[in-house]
Amino acid sequence: MNVVFAGHEHFYERIKPQRDIYYFILGSSAKLREGGIARSEITEKGYAQNQTFMLMEIAGDQLNFQTLNRSGALIDSGTLERPKK
């Protein structure tokens, strides 16, 4: 499993896997982007209403994640599994 984390944009976005690569944009920990997020056909989950942070745990071949807003509300979560060879 390949995962990319970026943070330049000022919102949270999880992109649908592209060529078996998972993409997360985690830029909403500071100032939010004015006007919110422009969703596209590759947006799996997007959030721009409040600051967020992400918790991750790697256990064996699984990566578990939770994205929460600054009030502690769950915004996104999931488990990514490493493909069997």
PDB file of N, CA and C in Angstrom:
ATOM      1  N   MET A   1       0.841  -1.162   0.000  1.00  0.00           N
ATOM      2  CA  MET A   1       0.000   0.000   0.000  1.00  0.00           C
ATOM      3  C   MET A   1       0.891   1.231   0.000  1.00  0.00           C
ATOM      4  N   ASN A   2       0.561   2.164  -0.835  1.00  0.00           N
ATOM      5  CA  ASN A   2       1.280   3.431  -0.898  1.00  0.00           C
ATOM      6  C   ASN A   2       0.340   4.545  -0.485  1.00  0.00           C
ATOM      7  N   VAL A   3       0.823   5.420   0.403  1.00  0.00           N
ATOM      8  CA  VAL A   3       0.014   6.515   0.925  1.00  0.00           C
ATOM      9  C   VAL A   3       0.811   7.807   0.793  1.00  0.00           C
ATOM     10  N   VAL A   4       0.128   8.864   0.362  1.00  0.00           N
ATOM     11  CA  VAL A   4       0.746  10.185   0.248  1.00  0.00           C
ATOM     12  C   VAL A   4      -0.016  11.126   1.169  1.00  0.00           C
ATOM     13  N   PHE A   5       0.741  11.886   1.981  1.00  0.00           N
ATOM     14  CA  PHE A   5       0.163  12.909   2.853  1.00  0.00           C
ATOM     15  C   PHE A   5       0.679  14.267   2.393  1.00  0.00           C
ATOM     16  N   ALA A   6      -0.242  15.179   2.155  1.00  0.00           N
ATOM     17  CA  ALA A   6       0.131  16.538   1.755  1.00  0.00           C
ATOM     18  C   ALA A   6      -0.603  17.512   2.671  1.00  0.00           C
ATOM     19  N   GLY A   7      -0.146  18.749   2.729  1.00  0.00           N
ATOM     20  CA  GLY A   7      -0.780  19.673   3.640  1.00  0.00           C
ATOM     21  C   GLY A   7      -0.863  21.101   3.151  1.00  0.00           C
ATOM     22  N   HIS A   8      -0.576  21.367   1.907  1.00  0.00           N
ATOM     23  CA  HIS A   8      -0.543  22.750   1.441  1.00  0.00           C
ATOM     24  C   HIS A   8      -1.927  23.401   1.415  1.00  0.00           C
ATOM     25  N   GLU A   9      -2.935  22.681   0.942  1.00  0.00           N
ATOM     26  CA  GLU A   9      -4.287  23.242   0.883  1.00  0.00           C
ATOM     27  C   GLU A   9      -4.849  23.359   2.297  1.00  0.00           C
ATOM     28  N   HIS A  10      -5.743  24.292   2.526  1.00  0.00           N
ATOM     29  CA  HIS A  10      -6.250  24.557   3.872  1.00  0.00           C
ATOM     30  C   HIS A  10      -7.626  23.929   4.078  1.00  0.00           C
ATOM     31  N   PHE A  11      -7.671  22.592   3.924  1.00  0.00           N
ATOM     32  CA  PHE A  11      -8.869  21.798   4.160  1.00  0.00           C
ATOM     33  C   PHE A  11      -8.437  20.345   4.304  1.00  0.00           C
ATOM     34  N   TYR A  12      -9.394  19.478   4.641  1.00  0.00           N
ATOM     35  CA  TYR A  12      -9.134  18.037   4.685  1.00  0.00           C
ATOM     36  C   TYR A  12      -9.768  17.408   3.455  1.00  0.00           C
ATOM     37  N   GLU A  13      -9.029  16.539   2.790  1.00  0.00           N
ATOM     38  CA  GLU A  13      -9.587  15.806   1.659  1.00  0.00           C
ATOM     39  C   GLU A  13      -8.915  14.448   1.556  1.00  0.00           C
ATOM     40  N   ARG A  14      -9.750  13.435   1.323  1.00  0.00           N
ATOM     41  CA  ARG A  14      -9.235  12.096   1.000  1.00  0.00           C
ATOM     42  C   ARG A  14      -9.640  11.815  -0.434  1.00  0.00           C
ATOM     43  N   ILE A  15      -8.651  11.535  -1.245  1.00  0.00           N
ATOM     44  CA  ILE A  15      -8.859  11.293  -2.674  1.00  0.00           C
ATOM     45  C   ILE A  15      -9.076   9.797  -2.901  1.00  0.00           C
ATOM     46  N   LYS A  16      -9.956   9.458  -3.834  1.00  0.00           N
ATOM     47  CA  LYS A  16     -10.117   8.055  -4.213  1.00  0.00           C
ATOM     48  C   LYS A  16      -8.769   7.529  -4.678  1.00  0.00           C
ATOM     49  N   PRO A  17      -8.458   6.262  -4.367  1.00  0.00           N
ATOM     50  CA  PRO A  17      -7.146   5.726  -4.776  1.00  0.00           C
ATOM     51  C   PRO A  17      -6.907   5.909  -6.273  1.00  0.00           C
ATOM     52  N   GLN A  18      -5.709   6.348  -6.591  1.00  0.00           N
ATOM     53  CA  GLN A  18      -5.272   6.542  -7.972  1.00  0.00           C
ATOM     54  C   GLN A  18      -4.092   5.612  -8.213  1.00  0.00           C
ATOM     55  N   ARG A  19      -4.273   4.637  -9.089  1.00  0.00           N
ATOM     56  CA  ARG A  19      -3.213   3.649  -9.373  1.00  0.00           C
ATOM     57  C   ARG A  19      -2.716   3.002  -8.083  1.00  0.00           C
ATOM     58  N   ASP A  20      -3.676   2.637  -7.215  1.00  0.00           N
ATOM     59  CA  ASP A  20      -3.400   1.973  -5.935  1.00  0.00           C
ATOM     60  C   ASP A  20      -2.610   2.838  -4.957  1.00  0.00           C
ATOM     61  N   ILE A  21      -2.679   4.150  -5.099  1.00  0.00           N
ATOM     62  CA  ILE A  21      -2.043   5.078  -4.160  1.00  0.00           C
ATOM     63  C   ILE A  21      -3.157   5.871  -3.488  1.00  0.00           C
ATOM     64  N   TYR A  22      -3.112   5.923  -2.158  1.00  0.00           N
ATOM     65  CA  TYR A  22      -4.081   6.675  -1.359  1.00  0.00           C
ATOM     66  C   TYR A  22      -3.521   8.062  -1.083  1.00  0.00           C
ATOM     67  N   TYR A  23      -4.354   9.085  -1.231  1.00  0.00           N
ATOM     68  CA  TYR A  23      -3.921  10.472  -1.034  1.00  0.00           C
ATOM     69  C   TYR A  23      -4.774  11.140   0.045  1.00  0.00           C
ATOM     70  N   PHE A  24      -4.094  11.799   0.986  1.00  0.00           N
ATOM     71  CA  PHE A  24      -4.741  12.580   2.027  1.00  0.00           C
ATOM     72  C   PHE A  24      -4.178  13.998   1.984  1.00  0.00           C
ATOM     73  N   ILE A  25      -5.056  14.988   2.044  1.00  0.00           N
ATOM     74  CA  ILE A  25      -4.635  16.380   2.196  1.00  0.00           C
ATOM     75  C   ILE A  25      -5.059  16.794   3.598  1.00  0.00           C
ATOM     76  N   LEU A  26      -4.079  17.107   4.434  1.00  0.00           N
ATOM     77  CA  LEU A  26      -4.325  17.402   5.846  1.00  0.00           C
ATOM     78  C   LEU A  26      -3.894  18.829   6.156  1.00  0.00           C
ATOM     79  N   GLY A  27      -4.492  19.779   5.492  1.00  0.00           N
ATOM     80  CA  GLY A  27      -4.047  21.159   5.643  1.00  0.00           C
ATOM     81  C   GLY A  27      -4.961  22.023   6.475  1.00  0.00           C
ATOM     82  N   SER A  28      -5.917  21.411   7.172  1.00  0.00           N
ATOM     83  CA  SER A  28      -6.877  22.235   7.911  1.00  0.00           C
ATOM     84  C   SER A  28      -6.568  22.310   9.401  1.00  0.00           C
ATOM     85  N   SER A  29      -5.332  22.126   9.771  1.00  0.00           N
ATOM     86  CA  SER A  29      -4.965  22.259  11.183  1.00  0.00           C
ATOM     87  C   SER A  29      -4.785  23.723  11.571  1.00  0.00           C
ATOM     88  N   ALA A  30      -4.598  24.580  10.611  1.00  0.00           N
ATOM     89  CA  ALA A  30      -4.396  26.009  10.882  1.00  0.00           C
ATOM     90  C   ALA A  30      -5.546  26.791  10.251  1.00  0.00           C
ATOM     91  N   LYS A  31      -5.227  27.827   9.519  1.00  0.00           N
ATOM     92  CA  LYS A  31      -6.247  28.670   8.889  1.00  0.00           C
ATOM     93  C   LYS A  31      -6.984  27.885   7.807  1.00  0.00           C
ATOM     94  N   LEU A  32      -8.303  28.018   7.785  1.00  0.00           N
ATOM     95  CA  LEU A  32      -9.104  27.338   6.771  1.00  0.00           C
ATOM     96  C   LEU A  32      -9.132  28.138   5.481  1.00  0.00           C
ATOM     97  N   ARG A  33      -9.359  27.460   4.390  1.00  0.00           N
ATOM     98  CA  ARG A  33      -9.438  28.109   3.083  1.00  0.00           C
ATOM     99  C   ARG A  33     -10.770  28.843   2.947  1.00  0.00           C
ATOM    100  N   GLU A  34     -10.712  30.073   2.533  1.00  0.00           N
ATOM    101  CA  GLU A  34     -11.942  30.828   2.283  1.00  0.00           C
ATOM    102  C   GLU A  34     -12.652  30.230   1.084  1.00  0.00           C
ATOM    103  N   GLY A  35     -13.949  30.045   1.193  1.00  0.00           N
ATOM    104  CA  GLY A  35     -14.712  29.482   0.094  1.00  0.00           C
ATOM    105  C   GLY A  35     -14.810  27.970   0.142  1.00  0.00           C
ATOM    106  N   GLY A  36     -14.133  27.331   1.100  1.00  0.00           N
ATOM    107  CA  GLY A  36     -14.250  25.886   1.263  1.00  0.00           C
ATOM    108  C   GLY A  36     -13.459  25.085   0.250  1.00  0.00           C
ATOM    109  N   ILE A  37     -13.968  23.914  -0.030  1.00  0.00           N
ATOM    110  CA  ILE A  37     -13.272  22.944  -0.877  1.00  0.00           C
ATOM    111  C   ILE A  37     -14.045  22.771  -2.189  1.00  0.00           C
ATOM    112  N   ALA A  38     -13.325  22.693  -3.279  1.00  0.00           N
ATOM    113  CA  ALA A  38     -13.939  22.414  -4.580  1.00  0.00           C
ATOM    114  C   ALA A  38     -13.849  20.909  -4.814  1.00  0.00           C
ATOM    115  N   ARG A  39     -14.962  20.224  -4.649  1.00  0.00           N
ATOM    116  CA  ARG A  39     -14.969  18.766  -4.812  1.00  0.00           C
ATOM    117  C   ARG A  39     -14.908  18.396  -6.291  1.00  0.00           C
ATOM    118  N   SER A  40     -14.332  17.213  -6.545  1.00  0.00           N
ATOM    119  CA  SER A  40     -14.262  16.700  -7.908  1.00  0.00           C
ATOM    120  C   SER A  40     -14.683  15.232  -7.896  1.00  0.00           C
ATOM    121  N   GLU A  41     -14.657  14.609  -9.047  1.00  0.00           N
ATOM    122  CA  GLU A  41     -15.055  13.196  -9.139  1.00  0.00           C
ATOM    123  C   GLU A  41     -14.091  12.268  -8.410  1.00  0.00           C
ATOM    124  N   ILE A  42     -12.908  12.750  -8.058  1.00  0.00           N
ATOM    125  CA  ILE A  42     -11.956  11.900  -7.332  1.00  0.00           C
ATOM    126  C   ILE A  42     -11.974  12.158  -5.819  1.00  0.00           C
ATOM    127  N   THR A  43     -12.808  13.095  -5.365  1.00  0.00           N
ATOM    128  CA  THR A  43     -12.922  13.360  -3.927  1.00  0.00           C
ATOM    129  C   THR A  43     -13.723  12.232  -3.276  1.00  0.00           C
ATOM    130  N   GLU A  44     -13.102  11.535  -2.347  1.00  0.00           N
ATOM    131  CA  GLU A  44     -13.801  10.505  -1.568  1.00  0.00           C
ATOM    132  C   GLU A  44     -14.480  11.143  -0.354  1.00  0.00           C
ATOM    133  N   LYS A  45     -13.755  12.032   0.330  1.00  0.00           N
ATOM    134  CA  LYS A  45     -14.281  12.734   1.499  1.00  0.00           C
ATOM    135  C   LYS A  45     -13.616  14.098   1.553  1.00  0.00           C
ATOM    136  N   GLY A  46     -14.393  15.129   1.818  1.00  0.00           N
ATOM    137  CA  GLY A  46     -13.853  16.471   1.943  1.00  0.00           C
ATOM    138  C   GLY A  46     -14.505  17.195   3.099  1.00  0.00           C
ATOM    139  N   TYR A  47     -13.741  18.060   3.756  1.00  0.00           N
ATOM    140  CA  TYR A  47     -14.259  18.789   4.921  1.00  0.00           C
ATOM    141  C   TYR A  47     -13.483  20.084   5.066  1.00  0.00           C
ATOM    142  N   ALA A  48     -14.213  21.199   5.181  1.00  0.00           N
ATOM    143  CA  ALA A  48     -13.544  22.496   5.312  1.00  0.00           C
ATOM    144  C   ALA A  48     -14.274  23.415   6.287  1.00  0.00           C
ATOM    145  N   GLN A  49     -15.123  22.846   7.155  1.00  0.00           N
ATOM    146  CA  GLN A  49     -15.910  23.668   8.054  1.00  0.00           C
ATOM    147  C   GLN A  49     -15.192  24.000   9.359  1.00  0.00           C
ATOM    148  N   ASN A  50     -14.134  23.261   9.697  1.00  0.00           N
ATOM    149  CA  ASN A  50     -13.461  23.441  10.973  1.00  0.00           C
ATOM    150  C   ASN A  50     -12.059  22.838  10.873  1.00  0.00           C
ATOM    151  N   GLN A  51     -11.191  23.169  11.807  1.00  0.00           N
ATOM    152  CA  GLN A  51      -9.861  22.565  11.823  1.00  0.00           C
ATOM    153  C   GLN A  51      -9.974  21.069  12.124  1.00  0.00           C
ATOM    154  N   THR A  52      -9.010  20.300  11.622  1.00  0.00           N
ATOM    155  CA  THR A  52      -9.018  18.852  11.824  1.00  0.00           C
ATOM    156  C   THR A  52      -7.634  18.354  12.223  1.00  0.00           C
ATOM    157  N   PHE A  53      -7.625  17.141  12.742  1.00  0.00           N
ATOM    158  CA  PHE A  53      -6.383  16.416  12.980  1.00  0.00           C
ATOM    159  C   PHE A  53      -6.653  14.949  12.706  1.00  0.00           C
ATOM    160  N   MET A  54      -5.582  14.185  12.486  1.00  0.00           N
ATOM    161  CA  MET A  54      -5.718  12.783  12.117  1.00  0.00           C
ATOM    162  C   MET A  54      -4.968  11.904  13.105  1.00  0.00           C
ATOM    163  N   LEU A  55      -5.602  10.817  13.481  1.00  0.00           N
ATOM    164  CA  LEU A  55      -4.976   9.774  14.289  1.00  0.00           C
ATOM    165  C   LEU A  55      -4.766   8.575  13.384  1.00  0.00           C
ATOM    166  N   MET A  56      -3.585   7.959  13.498  1.00  0.00           N
ATOM    167  CA  MET A  56      -3.285   6.791  12.670  1.00  0.00           C
ATOM    168  C   MET A  56      -2.647   5.715  13.518  1.00  0.00           C
ATOM    169  N   GLU A  57      -2.903   4.479  13.129  1.00  0.00           N
ATOM    170  CA  GLU A  57      -2.271   3.329  13.773  1.00  0.00           C
ATOM    171  C   GLU A  57      -1.958   2.313  12.684  1.00  0.00           C
ATOM    172  N   ILE A  58      -0.733   1.829  12.707  1.00  0.00           N
ATOM    173  CA  ILE A  58      -0.340   0.763  11.786  1.00  0.00           C
ATOM    174  C   ILE A  58      -0.207  -0.510  12.607  1.00  0.00           C
ATOM    175  N   ALA A  59      -0.961  -1.526  12.213  1.00  0.00           N
ATOM    176  CA  ALA A  59      -0.938  -2.815  12.898  1.00  0.00           C
ATOM    177  C   ALA A  59      -0.796  -3.897  11.835  1.00  0.00           C
ATOM    178  N   GLY A  60       0.400  -4.452  11.748  1.00  0.00           N
ATOM    179  CA  GLY A  60       0.640  -5.466  10.719  1.00  0.00           C
ATOM    180  C   GLY A  60       0.471  -4.889   9.334  1.00  0.00           C
ATOM    181  N   ASP A  61      -0.468  -5.424   8.570  1.00  0.00           N
ATOM    182  CA  ASP A  61      -0.707  -4.982   7.198  1.00  0.00           C
ATOM    183  C   ASP A  61      -1.855  -3.983   7.087  1.00  0.00           C
ATOM    184  N   GLN A  62      -2.301  -3.438   8.221  1.00  0.00           N
ATOM    185  CA  GLN A  62      -3.415  -2.497   8.202  1.00  0.00           C
ATOM    186  C   GLN A  62      -2.995  -1.125   8.715  1.00  0.00           C
ATOM    187  N   LEU A  63      -3.496  -0.099   8.046  1.00  0.00           N
ATOM    188  CA  LEU A  63      -3.347   1.270   8.505  1.00  0.00           C
ATOM    189  C   LEU A  63      -4.755   1.759   8.840  1.00  0.00           C
ATOM    190  N   ASN A  64      -4.987   2.057  10.109  1.00  0.00           N
ATOM    191  CA  ASN A  64      -6.277   2.562  10.572  1.00  0.00           C
ATOM    192  C   ASN A  64      -6.161   4.065  10.771  1.00  0.00           C
ATOM    193  N   PHE A  65      -7.163   4.815  10.320  1.00  0.00           N
ATOM    194  CA  PHE A  65      -7.113   6.266  10.487  1.00  0.00           C
ATOM    195  C   PHE A  65      -8.460   6.808  10.938  1.00  0.00           C
ATOM    196  N   GLN A  66      -8.390   7.911  11.671  1.00  0.00           N
ATOM    197  CA  GLN A  66      -9.557   8.684  12.066  1.00  0.00           C
ATOM    198  C   GLN A  66      -9.201  10.151  11.891  1.00  0.00           C
ATOM    199  N   THR A  67     -10.095  10.900  11.276  1.00  0.00           N
ATOM    200  CA  THR A  67      -9.941  12.340  11.173  1.00  0.00           C
ATOM    201  C   THR A  67     -11.045  12.964  12.004  1.00  0.00           C
ATOM    202  N   LEU A  68     -10.642  13.839  12.924  1.00  0.00           N
ATOM    203  CA  LEU A  68     -11.586  14.486  13.823  1.00  0.00           C
ATOM    204  C   LEU A  68     -11.474  15.990  13.691  1.00  0.00           C
ATOM    205  N   ASN A  69     -12.581  16.691  13.966  1.00  0.00           N
ATOM    206  CA  ASN A  69     -12.478  18.147  13.970  1.00  0.00           C
ATOM    207  C   ASN A  69     -12.044  18.613  15.357  1.00  0.00           C
ATOM    208  N   ARG A  70     -11.834  19.892  15.517  1.00  0.00           N
ATOM    209  CA  ARG A  70     -11.280  20.403  16.778  1.00  0.00           C
ATOM    210  C   ARG A  70     -12.209  20.217  17.961  1.00  0.00           C
ATOM    211  N   SER A  71     -13.490  19.916  17.707  1.00  0.00           N
ATOM    212  CA  SER A  71     -14.439  19.614  18.781  1.00  0.00           C
ATOM    213  C   SER A  71     -14.462  18.138  19.129  1.00  0.00           C
ATOM    214  N   GLY A  72     -13.721  17.342  18.353  1.00  0.00           N
ATOM    215  CA  GLY A  72     -13.665  15.897  18.599  1.00  0.00           C
ATOM    216  C   GLY A  72     -14.658  15.077  17.805  1.00  0.00           C
ATOM    217  N   ALA A  73     -15.438  15.718  16.928  1.00  0.00           N
ATOM    218  CA  ALA A  73     -16.400  14.991  16.100  1.00  0.00           C
ATOM    219  C   ALA A  73     -15.673  14.228  14.993  1.00  0.00           C
ATOM    220  N   LEU A  74     -16.099  13.005  14.750  1.00  0.00           N
ATOM    221  CA  LEU A  74     -15.500  12.172  13.711  1.00  0.00           C
ATOM    222  C   LEU A  74     -15.902  12.687  12.335  1.00  0.00           C
ATOM    223  N   ILE A  75     -14.909  12.979  11.501  1.00  0.00           N
ATOM    224  CA  ILE A  75     -15.127  13.488  10.149  1.00  0.00           C
ATOM    225  C   ILE A  75     -14.961  12.376   9.121  1.00  0.00           C
ATOM    226  N   ASP A  76     -13.978  11.514   9.332  1.00  0.00           N
ATOM    227  CA  ASP A  76     -13.662  10.448   8.372  1.00  0.00           C
ATOM    228  C   ASP A  76     -12.902   9.366   9.117  1.00  0.00           C
ATOM    229  N   SER A  77     -13.026   8.137   8.654  1.00  0.00           N
ATOM    230  CA  SER A  77     -12.256   7.038   9.246  1.00  0.00           C
ATOM    231  C   SER A  77     -12.212   5.886   8.254  1.00  0.00           C
ATOM    232  N   GLY A  78     -11.297   4.988   8.490  1.00  0.00           N
ATOM    233  CA  GLY A  78     -11.195   3.829   7.630  1.00  0.00           C
ATOM    234  C   GLY A  78      -9.982   2.990   7.925  1.00  0.00           C
ATOM    235  N   THR A  79      -9.879   1.912   7.202  1.00  0.00           N
ATOM    236  CA  THR A  79      -8.747   0.992   7.286  1.00  0.00           C
ATOM    237  C   THR A  79      -8.243   0.730   5.889  1.00  0.00           C
ATOM    238  N   LEU A  80      -6.957   0.922   5.698  1.00  0.00           N
ATOM    239  CA  LEU A  80      -6.308   0.607   4.426  1.00  0.00           C
ATOM    240  C   LEU A  80      -5.512  -0.673   4.627  1.00  0.00           C
ATOM    241  N   GLU A  81      -5.663  -1.597   3.732  1.00  0.00           N
ATOM    242  CA  GLU A  81      -5.021  -2.903   3.846  1.00  0.00           C
ATOM    243  C   GLU A  81      -3.908  -3.033   2.808  1.00  0.00           C
ATOM    244  N   ARG A  82      -2.740  -3.503   3.249  1.00  0.00           N
ATOM    245  CA  ARG A  82      -1.659  -3.783   2.305  1.00  0.00           C
ATOM    246  C   ARG A  82      -2.064  -4.974   1.438  1.00  0.00           C
ATOM    247  N   PRO A  83      -1.941  -4.853   0.129  1.00  0.00           N
ATOM    248  CA  PRO A  83      -2.310  -5.973  -0.748  1.00  0.00           C
ATOM    249  C   PRO A  83      -1.437  -7.195  -0.488  1.00  0.00           C
ATOM    250  N   LYS A  84      -2.058  -8.349  -0.576  1.00  0.00           N
ATOM    251  CA  LYS A  84      -1.324  -9.616  -0.441  1.00  0.00           C
ATOM    252  C   LYS A  84      -0.509  -9.829  -1.704  1.00  0.00           C
ATOM    253  N   LYS A  85       0.732 -10.281  -1.522  1.00  0.00           N
ATOM    254  CA  LYS A  85       1.602 -10.516  -2.689  1.00  0.00           C
ATOM    255  C   LYS A  85       1.506 -11.937  -3.139  1.00  0.00           C
TER     256      LYS A  85
END
